[in-house]
N, C-alpha and C. Protein backbone atom coordinates (compact mmCIF):
# COMPACT_ATOMS: atom_id res chain seq x y z
N MET A 1 29.48 17.69 8.63
CA MET A 1 28.61 17.05 7.69
C MET A 1 29.73 16.90 6.36
N SER A 2 29.50 15.60 5.59
CA SER A 2 30.64 15.18 4.76
C SER A 2 30.44 15.91 3.45
N ASN A 3 31.55 16.22 2.88
CA ASN A 3 31.70 17.02 1.42
C ASN A 3 30.48 16.68 0.24
N SER A 4 30.28 15.17 0.35
CA SER A 4 28.94 14.66 -0.61
C SER A 4 27.71 15.22 -0.34
N ARG A 5 27.48 15.32 1.03
CA ARG A 5 26.30 15.74 1.76
C ARG A 5 26.04 17.37 1.42
N LEU A 6 27.28 18.07 1.87
CA LEU A 6 27.35 19.53 1.69
C LEU A 6 27.27 19.88 0.41
N TYR A 7 27.97 19.22 -0.82
CA TYR A 7 27.70 19.70 -2.08
C TYR A 7 26.12 19.39 -2.60
N LEU A 8 25.67 18.20 -2.33
CA LEU A 8 24.17 18.17 -2.75
C LEU A 8 23.17 19.23 -2.08
N LEU A 9 23.52 19.55 -0.47
CA LEU A 9 22.50 20.54 -0.05
C LEU A 9 23.16 22.02 -0.74
N ILE A 10 23.95 22.05 -1.40
CA ILE A 10 24.30 23.47 -1.89
C ILE A 10 23.51 23.55 -3.20
N THR A 11 23.75 22.36 -4.12
CA THR A 11 23.16 22.01 -5.27
C THR A 11 21.48 22.24 -5.11
N ILE A 12 21.01 21.79 -4.05
CA ILE A 12 19.31 22.08 -3.91
C ILE A 12 19.04 23.26 -3.59
N ALA A 13 19.97 24.00 -2.63
CA ALA A 13 19.67 25.36 -2.16
C ALA A 13 19.73 26.31 -3.50
N LEU A 14 20.71 26.06 -4.12
CA LEU A 14 20.97 26.70 -5.41
C LEU A 14 19.97 26.80 -6.32
N SER A 15 19.40 25.59 -6.54
CA SER A 15 18.35 25.06 -7.76
C SER A 15 17.26 25.85 -7.28
N ILE A 16 16.75 25.78 -6.03
CA ILE A 16 15.59 26.45 -5.42
C ILE A 16 15.55 27.89 -5.53
N GLY A 17 16.78 28.31 -5.12
CA GLY A 17 16.86 29.76 -5.13
C GLY A 17 16.81 30.47 -6.66
N ALA A 18 16.91 30.01 -7.26
CA ALA A 18 17.07 30.10 -8.93
C ALA A 18 15.73 30.24 -9.19
N PHE A 19 14.95 28.92 -9.01
CA PHE A 19 13.58 29.03 -9.11
C PHE A 19 12.76 30.15 -8.64
N PHE A 20 13.11 30.75 -7.45
CA PHE A 20 12.40 32.01 -7.38
C PHE A 20 12.92 32.97 -7.82
N TYR A 21 14.30 33.27 -8.01
CA TYR A 21 15.10 34.46 -8.14
C TYR A 21 14.36 34.77 -9.55
N PHE A 22 14.69 33.72 -10.55
CA PHE A 22 14.29 33.92 -11.88
C PHE A 22 12.68 33.83 -12.15
N ASP A 23 11.76 33.93 -10.89
CA ASP A 23 10.34 34.26 -11.05
C ASP A 23 9.77 32.92 -12.03
N LEU A 24 10.70 31.67 -11.97
CA LEU A 24 10.14 30.48 -12.76
C LEU A 24 8.77 29.87 -12.01
N HIS A 25 8.34 30.39 -10.94
CA HIS A 25 7.13 29.92 -10.65
C HIS A 25 5.78 30.80 -11.24
N GLN A 26 5.83 31.61 -11.75
CA GLN A 26 5.28 32.92 -12.53
C GLN A 26 4.64 31.91 -13.72
N LEU A 27 5.63 30.84 -14.41
CA LEU A 27 5.11 30.00 -15.05
C LEU A 27 4.24 29.08 -14.98
N LEU A 28 3.93 28.62 -13.57
CA LEU A 28 3.29 27.71 -13.23
C LEU A 28 2.12 27.81 -12.69
N THR A 29 1.26 28.71 -13.70
CA THR A 29 -0.06 29.08 -13.17
C THR A 29 -1.00 28.88 -14.01
N LEU A 30 -2.42 28.75 -13.55
CA LEU A 30 -3.67 28.37 -14.25
C LEU A 30 -3.88 29.39 -15.82
N ASP A 31 -3.62 30.58 -15.42
CA ASP A 31 -3.71 31.53 -16.46
C ASP A 31 -2.71 31.47 -17.26
N ASN A 32 -1.28 31.12 -16.89
CA ASN A 32 -0.38 30.99 -17.97
C ASN A 32 -0.51 29.56 -18.88
N LEU A 33 -0.81 28.41 -18.29
CA LEU A 33 -1.04 27.09 -19.03
C LEU A 33 -2.28 27.50 -19.88
N LYS A 34 -3.50 28.32 -19.69
CA LYS A 34 -4.41 27.89 -20.36
C LYS A 34 -3.85 29.25 -21.62
N SER A 35 -3.20 30.25 -21.33
CA SER A 35 -2.87 31.06 -22.51
C SER A 35 -1.97 30.58 -23.49
N ARG A 36 -1.25 29.30 -22.88
CA ARG A 36 -0.08 28.61 -23.53
C ARG A 36 -0.50 27.50 -24.04
N GLN A 37 -1.74 26.98 -24.26
CA GLN A 37 -1.96 25.61 -24.43
C GLN A 37 -1.87 25.26 -25.92
N GLU A 38 -2.32 26.03 -26.47
CA GLU A 38 -2.53 25.91 -28.01
C GLU A 38 -0.94 25.72 -28.51
N SER A 39 -0.14 26.54 -28.02
CA SER A 39 1.29 26.66 -28.50
C SER A 39 2.17 25.43 -28.12
N ILE A 40 1.58 25.07 -26.83
CA ILE A 40 2.71 23.71 -26.30
C ILE A 40 1.75 22.62 -26.98
N ILE A 41 0.38 22.66 -27.25
CA ILE A 41 0.22 21.42 -28.01
C ILE A 41 0.64 21.33 -29.24
N ALA A 42 0.80 22.11 -30.27
CA ALA A 42 1.31 22.57 -31.56
C ALA A 42 2.94 21.99 -31.43
N TYR A 43 3.51 22.45 -30.32
CA TYR A 43 5.02 21.92 -30.29
C TYR A 43 5.17 20.40 -29.84
N ARG A 44 3.90 19.78 -29.01
CA ARG A 44 3.91 18.58 -28.98
C ARG A 44 3.80 17.69 -30.24
N ASP A 45 2.82 18.36 -30.99
CA ASP A 45 2.59 17.83 -32.38
C ASP A 45 3.69 17.62 -32.98
N ASP A 46 4.47 18.74 -33.19
CA ASP A 46 5.66 18.40 -33.92
C ASP A 46 6.99 18.04 -33.32
N HIS A 47 7.03 17.83 -32.21
CA HIS A 47 8.20 17.08 -31.26
C HIS A 47 7.39 16.08 -30.15
N PRO A 48 6.90 15.06 -30.55
CA PRO A 48 6.28 14.14 -29.54
C PRO A 48 6.99 13.67 -28.47
N LEU A 49 8.28 13.37 -28.87
CA LEU A 49 9.14 12.64 -28.15
C LEU A 49 9.87 13.45 -27.27
N LEU A 50 10.47 14.44 -27.61
CA LEU A 50 11.10 15.68 -27.07
C LEU A 50 10.16 16.49 -25.99
N SER A 51 9.02 16.59 -26.49
CA SER A 51 8.25 17.34 -25.50
C SER A 51 7.69 16.54 -24.26
N THR A 52 7.74 15.15 -24.99
CA THR A 52 7.27 14.47 -23.19
C THR A 52 8.63 14.25 -22.74
N ALA A 53 9.55 14.12 -23.11
CA ALA A 53 10.97 13.84 -22.29
C ALA A 53 11.10 15.35 -21.54
N ILE A 54 11.01 16.75 -21.85
CA ILE A 54 11.10 17.69 -21.32
C ILE A 54 9.78 17.97 -20.30
N TYR A 55 8.92 17.62 -20.56
CA TYR A 55 7.72 17.62 -19.27
C TYR A 55 7.85 16.59 -18.17
N ALA A 56 8.48 15.19 -18.44
CA ALA A 56 8.87 14.65 -17.75
C ALA A 56 9.83 15.11 -16.79
N LEU A 57 10.91 15.45 -17.15
CA LEU A 57 12.03 16.06 -16.68
C LEU A 57 11.57 17.18 -15.78
N VAL A 58 10.84 17.91 -16.08
CA VAL A 58 10.18 19.29 -15.47
C VAL A 58 9.83 18.61 -14.32
N TYR A 59 8.56 17.70 -14.59
CA TYR A 59 7.60 17.03 -13.25
C TYR A 59 8.91 16.77 -12.05
N ILE A 60 9.58 15.75 -12.72
CA ILE A 60 10.50 15.18 -11.89
C ILE A 60 11.14 16.10 -11.04
N ALA A 61 12.05 17.09 -11.94
CA ALA A 61 12.59 18.14 -11.13
C ALA A 61 12.09 18.74 -10.21
N VAL A 62 10.62 19.30 -10.32
CA VAL A 62 9.80 20.13 -9.51
C VAL A 62 9.41 19.17 -8.22
N THR A 63 9.29 18.04 -8.56
CA THR A 63 8.92 17.26 -7.35
C THR A 63 9.73 16.84 -6.41
N ALA A 64 11.12 16.61 -7.05
CA ALA A 64 12.32 16.39 -6.53
C ALA A 64 13.00 17.55 -5.44
N LEU A 65 12.56 18.67 -6.01
CA LEU A 65 12.93 19.82 -5.04
C LEU A 65 12.03 20.43 -4.29
N SER A 66 10.85 19.50 -4.17
CA SER A 66 9.65 20.08 -3.38
C SER A 66 9.56 21.44 -3.92
N LEU A 67 9.29 21.87 -4.85
CA LEU A 67 8.79 23.05 -5.28
C LEU A 67 7.30 23.40 -5.61
N PRO A 68 6.73 24.37 -5.50
CA PRO A 68 5.18 24.54 -5.68
C PRO A 68 4.97 24.70 -7.30
N GLY A 69 3.95 23.62 -7.85
CA GLY A 69 3.82 23.55 -8.89
C GLY A 69 3.28 22.25 -9.56
N ALA A 70 3.31 21.33 -8.64
CA ALA A 70 2.84 19.92 -9.04
C ALA A 70 1.66 19.84 -9.81
N THR A 71 0.68 20.22 -8.90
CA THR A 71 -1.01 20.17 -9.14
C THR A 71 -0.93 20.96 -10.61
N LEU A 72 -0.54 22.20 -11.09
CA LEU A 72 -0.47 22.74 -12.25
C LEU A 72 -0.06 21.95 -13.34
N LEU A 73 1.08 21.47 -13.14
CA LEU A 73 1.60 20.40 -14.19
C LEU A 73 0.95 18.96 -14.19
N THR A 74 0.39 18.85 -13.23
CA THR A 74 -0.58 17.37 -13.71
C THR A 74 -1.81 17.94 -14.44
N LEU A 75 -2.07 19.18 -14.28
CA LEU A 75 -3.15 19.51 -15.20
C LEU A 75 -2.83 19.70 -16.85
N ALA A 76 -1.44 20.10 -16.48
CA ALA A 76 -0.91 20.16 -17.71
C ALA A 76 -0.84 19.07 -18.78
N GLY A 77 -0.51 17.87 -18.10
CA GLY A 77 -0.27 16.48 -18.44
C GLY A 77 -1.58 16.28 -19.09
N GLY A 78 -2.97 16.54 -18.60
CA GLY A 78 -3.93 16.09 -18.94
C GLY A 78 -4.49 17.29 -20.34
N ALA A 79 -4.20 18.28 -20.16
CA ALA A 79 -4.35 19.32 -21.34
C ALA A 79 -3.61 19.14 -22.39
N VAL A 80 -2.29 18.61 -22.36
CA VAL A 80 -1.13 18.39 -23.46
C VAL A 80 -1.26 16.97 -23.84
N PHE A 81 -1.53 15.97 -23.09
CA PHE A 81 -1.04 14.65 -23.71
C PHE A 81 -2.47 13.79 -23.61
N GLY A 82 -3.45 14.42 -23.01
CA GLY A 82 -4.72 13.60 -22.84
C GLY A 82 -4.57 12.68 -21.52
N LEU A 83 -5.90 12.32 -21.27
CA LEU A 83 -6.06 11.18 -20.21
C LEU A 83 -4.98 10.00 -19.81
N LEU A 84 -5.17 9.38 -21.20
CA LEU A 84 -4.23 8.03 -21.06
C LEU A 84 -2.92 8.31 -20.97
N TRP A 85 -2.28 9.12 -21.73
CA TRP A 85 -0.70 9.03 -21.78
C TRP A 85 -0.47 10.28 -20.47
N GLY A 86 -1.39 11.35 -20.36
CA GLY A 86 -0.94 12.39 -19.40
C GLY A 86 -0.96 11.53 -17.67
N THR A 87 -1.69 10.67 -18.03
CA THR A 87 -1.69 10.00 -16.36
C THR A 87 -0.64 8.90 -16.39
N LEU A 88 -0.16 7.86 -17.46
CA LEU A 88 0.94 7.36 -17.42
C LEU A 88 2.43 7.99 -17.17
N ILE A 89 2.56 9.38 -17.86
CA ILE A 89 3.54 10.00 -17.88
C ILE A 89 3.74 10.83 -16.35
N VAL A 90 2.94 11.37 -15.87
CA VAL A 90 2.62 11.99 -14.58
C VAL A 90 2.81 10.81 -13.57
N SER A 91 2.06 9.68 -13.56
CA SER A 91 2.32 8.68 -12.51
C SER A 91 3.85 8.24 -12.35
N PHE A 92 4.64 8.01 -13.37
CA PHE A 92 5.96 8.04 -13.36
C PHE A 92 6.94 9.06 -12.81
N ALA A 93 6.74 9.93 -13.49
CA ALA A 93 7.28 11.44 -13.22
C ALA A 93 7.21 11.66 -11.43
N SER A 94 5.86 11.59 -11.16
CA SER A 94 5.94 11.75 -9.73
C SER A 94 6.46 11.17 -8.79
N SER A 95 6.41 9.83 -8.98
CA SER A 95 6.92 8.58 -8.36
C SER A 95 8.26 8.70 -8.52
N MET A 96 9.08 9.03 -9.60
CA MET A 96 10.34 9.22 -9.50
C MET A 96 10.74 10.44 -8.69
N GLY A 97 10.25 11.64 -9.08
CA GLY A 97 10.34 12.83 -8.48
C GLY A 97 10.26 12.81 -6.71
N ALA A 98 9.06 11.92 -6.35
CA ALA A 98 9.01 11.82 -4.77
C ALA A 98 10.05 11.04 -4.56
N THR A 99 10.33 9.95 -5.09
CA THR A 99 11.68 9.20 -4.60
C THR A 99 12.84 9.66 -4.66
N LEU A 100 13.29 10.62 -5.36
CA LEU A 100 14.61 11.15 -5.36
C LEU A 100 14.64 12.08 -3.85
N ALA A 101 13.10 12.83 -3.90
CA ALA A 101 13.30 13.84 -2.50
C ALA A 101 13.42 12.70 -1.19
N PHE A 102 12.68 11.64 -1.41
CA PHE A 102 12.98 10.87 -0.10
C PHE A 102 14.47 10.50 0.05
N LEU A 103 15.10 9.96 -0.98
CA LEU A 103 16.31 9.71 -0.85
C LEU A 103 17.42 10.85 -0.74
N ALA A 104 17.27 11.73 -1.06
CA ALA A 104 17.64 13.11 -0.70
C ALA A 104 17.63 13.35 0.89
N ALA A 105 16.60 13.28 1.26
CA ALA A 105 16.35 13.42 2.67
C ALA A 105 16.97 12.48 3.54
N ARG A 106 16.97 11.33 2.92
CA ARG A 106 17.62 9.96 3.83
C ARG A 106 18.90 10.44 3.96
N PHE A 107 19.74 10.84 2.57
CA PHE A 107 21.41 10.93 2.52
C PHE A 107 21.45 12.06 3.23
N LEU A 108 20.73 13.11 3.43
CA LEU A 108 21.38 14.38 3.95
C LEU A 108 20.86 14.44 5.57
N PHE A 109 20.12 13.91 5.98
CA PHE A 109 19.54 14.01 7.36
C PHE A 109 19.44 12.70 8.26
N ARG A 110 19.32 11.74 7.91
CA ARG A 110 18.68 10.54 8.27
C ARG A 110 19.65 10.29 9.56
N ASP A 111 21.07 10.32 9.28
CA ASP A 111 22.15 9.82 10.09
C ASP A 111 22.17 10.68 11.49
N ALA A 112 22.03 12.07 10.74
CA ALA A 112 21.94 12.94 12.22
C ALA A 112 20.79 13.09 13.11
N VAL A 113 19.65 12.76 12.43
CA VAL A 113 18.47 12.63 13.07
C VAL A 113 18.40 11.46 13.76
N ASN A 114 18.87 10.37 13.63
CA ASN A 114 18.97 9.06 14.13
C ASN A 114 19.99 9.16 15.50
N ALA A 115 21.07 9.66 15.02
CA ALA A 115 22.07 10.19 16.08
C ALA A 115 21.63 11.10 17.30
N ARG A 116 20.88 11.71 17.24
CA ARG A 116 20.31 12.80 18.02
C ARG A 116 19.00 12.14 18.88
N PHE A 117 18.39 11.66 17.84
CA PHE A 117 16.71 10.89 18.45
C PHE A 117 16.65 9.30 18.38
N GLY A 118 17.66 8.84 18.19
CA GLY A 118 17.64 7.21 17.93
C GLY A 118 16.88 6.51 18.56
N HIS A 119 17.19 6.88 19.96
CA HIS A 119 16.06 6.08 21.12
C HIS A 119 14.87 6.34 21.03
N GLN A 120 14.40 7.31 20.55
CA GLN A 120 12.78 7.88 20.13
C GLN A 120 12.44 7.36 18.84
N LEU A 121 13.39 6.84 17.91
CA LEU A 121 13.21 6.81 16.59
C LEU A 121 12.85 5.00 16.74
N LYS A 122 13.30 4.46 17.75
CA LYS A 122 12.87 2.96 17.74
C LYS A 122 11.72 2.18 17.48
N ASP A 123 10.78 3.34 18.29
CA ASP A 123 9.69 2.76 18.18
C ASP A 123 9.06 2.78 16.80
N ILE A 124 9.08 4.21 16.37
CA ILE A 124 8.41 4.91 14.79
C ILE A 124 8.84 3.77 13.93
N ASP A 125 10.28 3.37 14.07
CA ASP A 125 11.14 2.29 13.04
C ASP A 125 10.19 1.34 12.96
N ALA A 126 9.90 0.70 14.25
CA ALA A 126 9.45 -0.77 14.13
C ALA A 126 7.80 -0.51 13.82
N GLY A 127 7.71 0.55 14.08
CA GLY A 127 5.97 0.53 13.49
C GLY A 127 5.91 0.73 11.76
N ILE A 128 7.16 1.07 11.27
CA ILE A 128 7.36 1.53 9.90
C ILE A 128 7.47 0.14 9.31
N THR A 129 8.53 -0.49 9.85
CA THR A 129 8.88 -1.63 9.22
C THR A 129 7.53 -2.85 9.49
N ARG A 130 7.23 -2.64 10.30
CA ARG A 130 5.74 -3.32 10.23
C ARG A 130 4.20 -3.04 9.66
N ASP A 131 4.24 -1.74 9.64
CA ASP A 131 2.97 -1.21 8.89
C ASP A 131 3.26 -0.10 7.87
N GLY A 132 4.48 0.18 7.46
CA GLY A 132 4.59 1.62 6.82
C GLY A 132 4.53 1.63 5.59
N ALA A 133 4.08 0.48 4.99
CA ALA A 133 3.14 0.59 3.45
C ALA A 133 1.80 0.92 3.66
N PHE A 134 1.16 0.35 4.65
CA PHE A 134 -0.03 0.64 4.80
C PHE A 134 -0.18 2.23 5.17
N TYR A 135 0.50 2.78 6.25
CA TYR A 135 0.36 4.27 6.52
C TYR A 135 0.63 5.21 5.05
N LEU A 136 1.70 4.80 4.47
CA LEU A 136 2.18 5.74 3.59
C LEU A 136 1.16 5.55 2.53
N PHE A 137 0.23 4.40 2.14
CA PHE A 137 -1.05 4.08 1.02
C PHE A 137 -1.85 5.28 1.29
N THR A 138 -1.98 5.28 2.94
CA THR A 138 -3.40 5.96 3.16
C THR A 138 -2.93 7.30 3.06
N LEU A 139 -1.57 7.75 3.42
CA LEU A 139 -1.55 9.43 3.37
C LEU A 139 -1.32 9.63 1.83
N ARG A 140 -0.90 8.88 1.14
CA ARG A 140 -1.40 9.50 -0.44
C ARG A 140 -2.32 9.40 -1.04
N LEU A 141 -3.31 8.79 -0.44
CA LEU A 141 -4.36 8.76 -0.71
C LEU A 141 -5.55 9.93 -0.33
N VAL A 142 -5.35 10.49 1.01
CA VAL A 142 -5.87 11.14 1.47
C VAL A 142 -4.91 12.39 1.26
N PRO A 143 -5.43 13.70 0.75
CA PRO A 143 -4.52 14.76 0.43
C PRO A 143 -4.81 15.80 1.48
N LEU A 144 -4.56 15.47 2.91
CA LEU A 144 -4.53 16.60 3.69
C LEU A 144 -3.22 16.74 4.28
N ILE A 145 -2.25 16.16 3.96
CA ILE A 145 -0.80 16.40 4.29
C ILE A 145 0.03 16.46 2.93
N PRO A 146 0.76 17.81 2.83
CA PRO A 146 1.42 17.95 1.59
C PRO A 146 2.44 16.90 1.00
N PHE A 147 1.89 16.18 -0.48
CA PHE A 147 3.09 15.09 -0.40
C PHE A 147 4.44 15.35 -0.36
N PHE A 148 4.90 16.72 -0.72
CA PHE A 148 6.57 16.77 -0.36
C PHE A 148 6.82 16.63 1.11
N VAL A 149 6.00 16.87 1.85
CA VAL A 149 6.20 16.42 3.17
C VAL A 149 6.13 15.11 3.89
N ILE A 150 5.21 14.28 3.05
CA ILE A 150 5.36 13.02 3.05
C ILE A 150 7.00 12.09 2.72
N ASN A 151 7.27 13.07 1.36
CA ASN A 151 8.47 12.58 0.81
C ASN A 151 9.39 12.91 1.87
N LEU A 152 9.66 13.96 2.64
CA LEU A 152 11.01 14.09 3.06
C LEU A 152 11.07 13.42 4.45
N VAL A 153 9.97 13.36 5.42
CA VAL A 153 9.74 12.58 6.50
C VAL A 153 9.78 11.17 6.50
N MET A 154 9.13 10.73 5.07
CA MET A 154 9.56 9.06 5.25
C MET A 154 11.10 8.98 4.76
N GLY A 155 11.83 9.77 4.21
CA GLY A 155 13.05 9.77 4.03
C GLY A 155 13.92 9.52 5.26
N LEU A 156 13.32 9.89 6.36
CA LEU A 156 14.03 9.79 7.54
C LEU A 156 13.47 8.30 8.54
N THR A 157 12.69 7.72 7.95
CA THR A 157 12.41 6.36 8.58
C THR A 157 13.12 5.29 7.99
N VAL A 158 13.06 3.98 8.02
CA VAL A 158 13.58 2.75 7.93
C VAL A 158 12.77 2.22 6.63
N LEU A 159 11.92 2.87 6.03
CA LEU A 159 11.25 2.54 4.68
C LEU A 159 11.78 1.82 3.79
N LYS A 160 11.83 1.18 3.10
CA LYS A 160 12.89 0.63 1.76
C LYS A 160 12.44 1.28 0.29
N THR A 161 13.38 1.45 -0.12
CA THR A 161 13.22 2.55 -1.01
C THR A 161 12.16 1.92 -2.06
N ARG A 162 12.16 0.69 -2.35
CA ARG A 162 11.50 0.59 -3.26
C ARG A 162 9.92 0.08 -3.23
N THR A 163 9.75 -0.15 -1.48
CA THR A 163 8.64 -0.09 -1.17
C THR A 163 8.04 1.56 -1.22
N PHE A 164 8.72 2.53 -0.70
CA PHE A 164 8.24 3.69 -0.76
C PHE A 164 7.71 3.96 -2.39
N TYR A 165 8.74 3.72 -3.34
CA TYR A 165 8.34 3.61 -4.83
C TYR A 165 7.03 3.38 -5.15
N TRP A 166 6.90 1.81 -5.11
CA TRP A 166 5.65 1.29 -5.80
C TRP A 166 4.38 1.91 -4.86
N ILE A 167 4.46 2.04 -3.53
CA ILE A 167 3.33 2.46 -2.84
C ILE A 167 2.88 3.59 -3.21
N SER A 168 3.93 4.56 -3.41
CA SER A 168 3.57 5.89 -3.94
C SER A 168 2.69 6.02 -5.24
N GLN A 169 3.41 5.32 -6.24
CA GLN A 169 2.73 5.24 -7.50
C GLN A 169 1.40 4.62 -7.38
N ILE A 170 1.17 3.72 -6.79
CA ILE A 170 -0.09 2.91 -6.54
C ILE A 170 -1.03 4.15 -5.96
N GLY A 171 -0.76 4.63 -4.73
CA GLY A 171 -1.05 5.52 -3.76
C GLY A 171 -1.99 6.74 -4.37
N MET A 172 -1.00 7.11 -5.07
CA MET A 172 -1.11 8.50 -6.03
C MET A 172 -1.96 8.68 -7.25
N LEU A 173 -2.38 7.12 -7.63
CA LEU A 173 -2.85 7.10 -9.12
C LEU A 173 -4.09 7.68 -9.10
N ALA A 174 -4.74 7.43 -8.10
CA ALA A 174 -6.52 8.06 -7.91
C ALA A 174 -6.29 9.60 -8.13
N GLY A 175 -5.53 10.20 -7.16
CA GLY A 175 -5.76 11.68 -7.39
C GLY A 175 -4.62 12.10 -8.81
N THR A 176 -4.23 11.52 -9.35
CA THR A 176 -3.25 11.79 -10.82
C THR A 176 -4.44 11.76 -11.76
N LEU A 177 -5.18 10.48 -11.67
CA LEU A 177 -6.67 10.75 -12.74
C LEU A 177 -7.33 11.55 -12.56
N VAL A 178 -7.76 12.03 -11.27
CA VAL A 178 -8.50 13.06 -11.12
C VAL A 178 -8.09 14.62 -11.60
N TYR A 179 -6.76 14.74 -11.52
CA TYR A 179 -6.34 16.02 -11.89
C TYR A 179 -6.06 15.95 -13.51
N VAL A 180 -5.72 14.85 -14.09
CA VAL A 180 -5.05 14.62 -15.38
C VAL A 180 -6.39 14.81 -16.26
N ASN A 181 -7.54 14.20 -15.71
CA ASN A 181 -8.99 14.31 -16.43
C ASN A 181 -9.50 15.82 -16.09
N ALA A 182 -9.22 16.47 -15.44
CA ALA A 182 -9.87 17.77 -15.04
C ALA A 182 -8.76 18.56 -16.14
N GLY A 183 -7.69 18.22 -16.39
CA GLY A 183 -6.96 19.07 -17.11
C GLY A 183 -7.01 18.87 -18.84
N THR A 184 -8.14 17.92 -19.04
CA THR A 184 -8.40 17.66 -20.32
C THR A 184 -9.66 18.62 -20.24
N GLN A 185 -10.21 19.09 -19.34
CA GLN A 185 -11.27 20.03 -19.69
C GLN A 185 -10.60 21.04 -19.29
N LEU A 186 -9.38 21.63 -19.64
CA LEU A 186 -8.77 22.92 -18.98
C LEU A 186 -9.50 24.33 -18.89
N ALA A 187 -10.10 24.75 -19.87
CA ALA A 187 -10.97 25.89 -20.24
C ALA A 187 -12.11 25.87 -19.25
N LYS A 188 -12.61 24.86 -18.70
CA LYS A 188 -13.89 24.90 -17.53
C LYS A 188 -13.18 25.31 -16.23
N ILE A 189 -11.74 25.11 -15.80
CA ILE A 189 -11.30 25.21 -14.53
C ILE A 189 -11.22 26.67 -14.55
N GLU A 190 -11.81 27.30 -13.03
CA GLU A 190 -11.67 28.55 -12.61
C GLU A 190 -10.67 28.58 -11.69
N SER A 191 -10.11 27.70 -10.82
CA SER A 191 -9.31 27.62 -10.03
C SER A 191 -8.96 26.37 -9.39
N LEU A 192 -7.84 26.02 -8.84
CA LEU A 192 -7.32 24.53 -8.45
C LEU A 192 -7.91 24.08 -7.57
N SER A 193 -8.31 24.85 -6.43
CA SER A 193 -9.09 24.44 -5.25
C SER A 193 -10.35 23.88 -5.82
N GLY A 194 -11.18 24.14 -6.58
CA GLY A 194 -12.28 23.37 -6.77
C GLY A 194 -12.50 22.00 -7.66
N ILE A 195 -11.18 21.69 -7.65
CA ILE A 195 -11.06 20.17 -8.51
C ILE A 195 -11.47 19.19 -7.73
N LEU A 196 -11.16 19.33 -6.43
CA LEU A 196 -11.25 17.98 -5.44
C LEU A 196 -12.30 18.34 -4.54
N SER A 197 -13.55 17.96 -4.45
CA SER A 197 -14.59 17.92 -3.57
C SER A 197 -14.49 17.36 -2.12
N PRO A 198 -15.31 18.14 -1.37
CA PRO A 198 -14.88 17.04 -0.16
C PRO A 198 -15.40 15.83 -0.02
N ALA A 199 -16.86 15.49 -0.95
CA ALA A 199 -17.22 14.04 -1.28
C ALA A 199 -15.97 13.26 -1.41
N LEU A 200 -15.02 13.75 -2.50
CA LEU A 200 -14.06 12.97 -3.11
C LEU A 200 -13.04 12.70 -2.44
N VAL A 201 -12.90 13.74 -1.43
CA VAL A 201 -11.44 13.60 -0.50
C VAL A 201 -12.03 12.67 0.77
N GLY A 202 -13.49 12.52 0.65
CA GLY A 202 -13.72 11.58 1.71
C GLY A 202 -13.68 10.31 1.19
N SER A 203 -14.07 10.05 0.11
CA SER A 203 -13.93 8.65 -0.78
C SER A 203 -12.46 8.41 -0.85
N PHE A 204 -11.76 9.38 -0.85
CA PHE A 204 -10.04 8.76 -0.92
C PHE A 204 -9.85 8.41 0.58
N ALA A 205 -10.28 8.88 1.35
CA ALA A 205 -9.79 9.03 3.04
C ALA A 205 -10.43 7.45 3.17
N LEU A 206 -11.49 6.91 3.04
CA LEU A 206 -12.23 5.73 3.06
C LEU A 206 -11.43 4.36 2.69
N LEU A 207 -11.29 5.09 1.23
CA LEU A 207 -9.81 4.08 0.43
C LEU A 207 -8.74 3.72 1.14
N GLY A 208 -8.37 4.83 1.75
CA GLY A 208 -7.04 4.85 2.28
C GLY A 208 -6.66 3.86 3.49
N VAL A 209 -8.14 4.45 4.32
CA VAL A 209 -7.81 3.52 5.55
C VAL A 209 -8.33 2.09 5.58
N PHE A 210 -9.10 1.66 4.54
CA PHE A 210 -9.60 0.08 4.48
C PHE A 210 -8.57 -0.54 4.71
N PRO A 211 -7.17 -0.56 3.92
CA PRO A 211 -6.18 -1.55 4.10
C PRO A 211 -6.24 -1.53 5.51
N ILE A 212 -5.71 -0.71 6.14
CA ILE A 212 -5.37 -0.60 7.73
C ILE A 212 -6.11 -1.35 8.59
N LEU A 213 -7.27 -0.85 8.50
CA LEU A 213 -8.60 -1.62 9.43
C LEU A 213 -8.55 -3.21 8.79
N ALA A 214 -8.47 -3.60 7.85
CA ALA A 214 -8.47 -4.76 7.03
C ALA A 214 -7.43 -5.66 7.92
N LYS A 215 -6.30 -4.93 7.97
CA LYS A 215 -4.98 -5.86 8.69
C LYS A 215 -5.19 -5.67 9.94
N LYS A 216 -5.83 -4.93 10.71
CA LYS A 216 -5.98 -4.88 12.01
C LYS A 216 -6.98 -5.83 12.31
N ILE A 217 -7.97 -6.01 11.45
CA ILE A 217 -9.22 -6.97 12.01
C ILE A 217 -8.44 -8.61 11.57
N VAL A 218 -7.90 -8.57 10.79
CA VAL A 218 -6.96 -10.30 10.64
C VAL A 218 -6.10 -10.23 11.80
N GLU A 219 -5.53 -9.16 12.23
CA GLU A 219 -4.77 -9.47 13.65
C GLU A 219 -5.74 -9.66 14.73
N TYR A 220 -6.53 -8.89 14.70
CA TYR A 220 -7.54 -9.24 16.15
C TYR A 220 -8.28 -10.54 15.78
N PHE A 221 -8.60 -11.14 15.01
CA PHE A 221 -9.06 -12.40 14.91
C PHE A 221 -8.45 -13.58 14.09
N PRO A 222 -7.23 -13.81 14.54
CA PRO A 222 -6.31 -14.54 13.70
C PRO A 222 -6.50 -16.05 13.20
N HIS A 223 -7.48 -16.45 13.88
CA HIS A 223 -8.05 -17.64 13.81
C HIS A 223 -9.54 -17.73 13.18
N ALA A 224 -9.80 -16.74 12.84
CA ALA A 224 -11.58 -16.74 12.51
C ALA A 224 -11.85 -17.36 11.13
């Protein structure tokens, strides 16, 4: 492993270790957000630009390091910044953080994985080159696979970085709207698990699968 890869790996490991060693994850709880909501809003009113920058940077860091708490931070976006600005900030911050995680996985592990499993990866890479955007869009819409897993695994493929970014931003927008909107009614939320209903997840799944089905139909009937 090159020195640059080793330094990055150590930096990531130390950052994740510090997050848990200093119990920072205890700050990212629903009860803590509820208890601090008024003081956070007061700080936002006094320092609108600084509070937005701090929030966005924290969100990017949590997402880039694949730390727990992105869902809570999304709720906080709605509770503190409202539906419009909360959605806008979260949309860009989550996409940037996801792309950093994607790039880190690619930089650290892509060459090693390709060297060991290059032959087996040929078919996967061919499929990603052909339909990667459609698959990523579906995975982003259907919240069955954790987003941090998608970020890391996609980094090991040949998917282009710009494609990963804009598909992620579009694909995550529906879920972002749901959670930011829920955050605007923070007092009514009893648990994070109750925000996404089975019907809503099913709707996301149908929306995500539709582009792939449409593409396959066009390919099957090219002259229709």
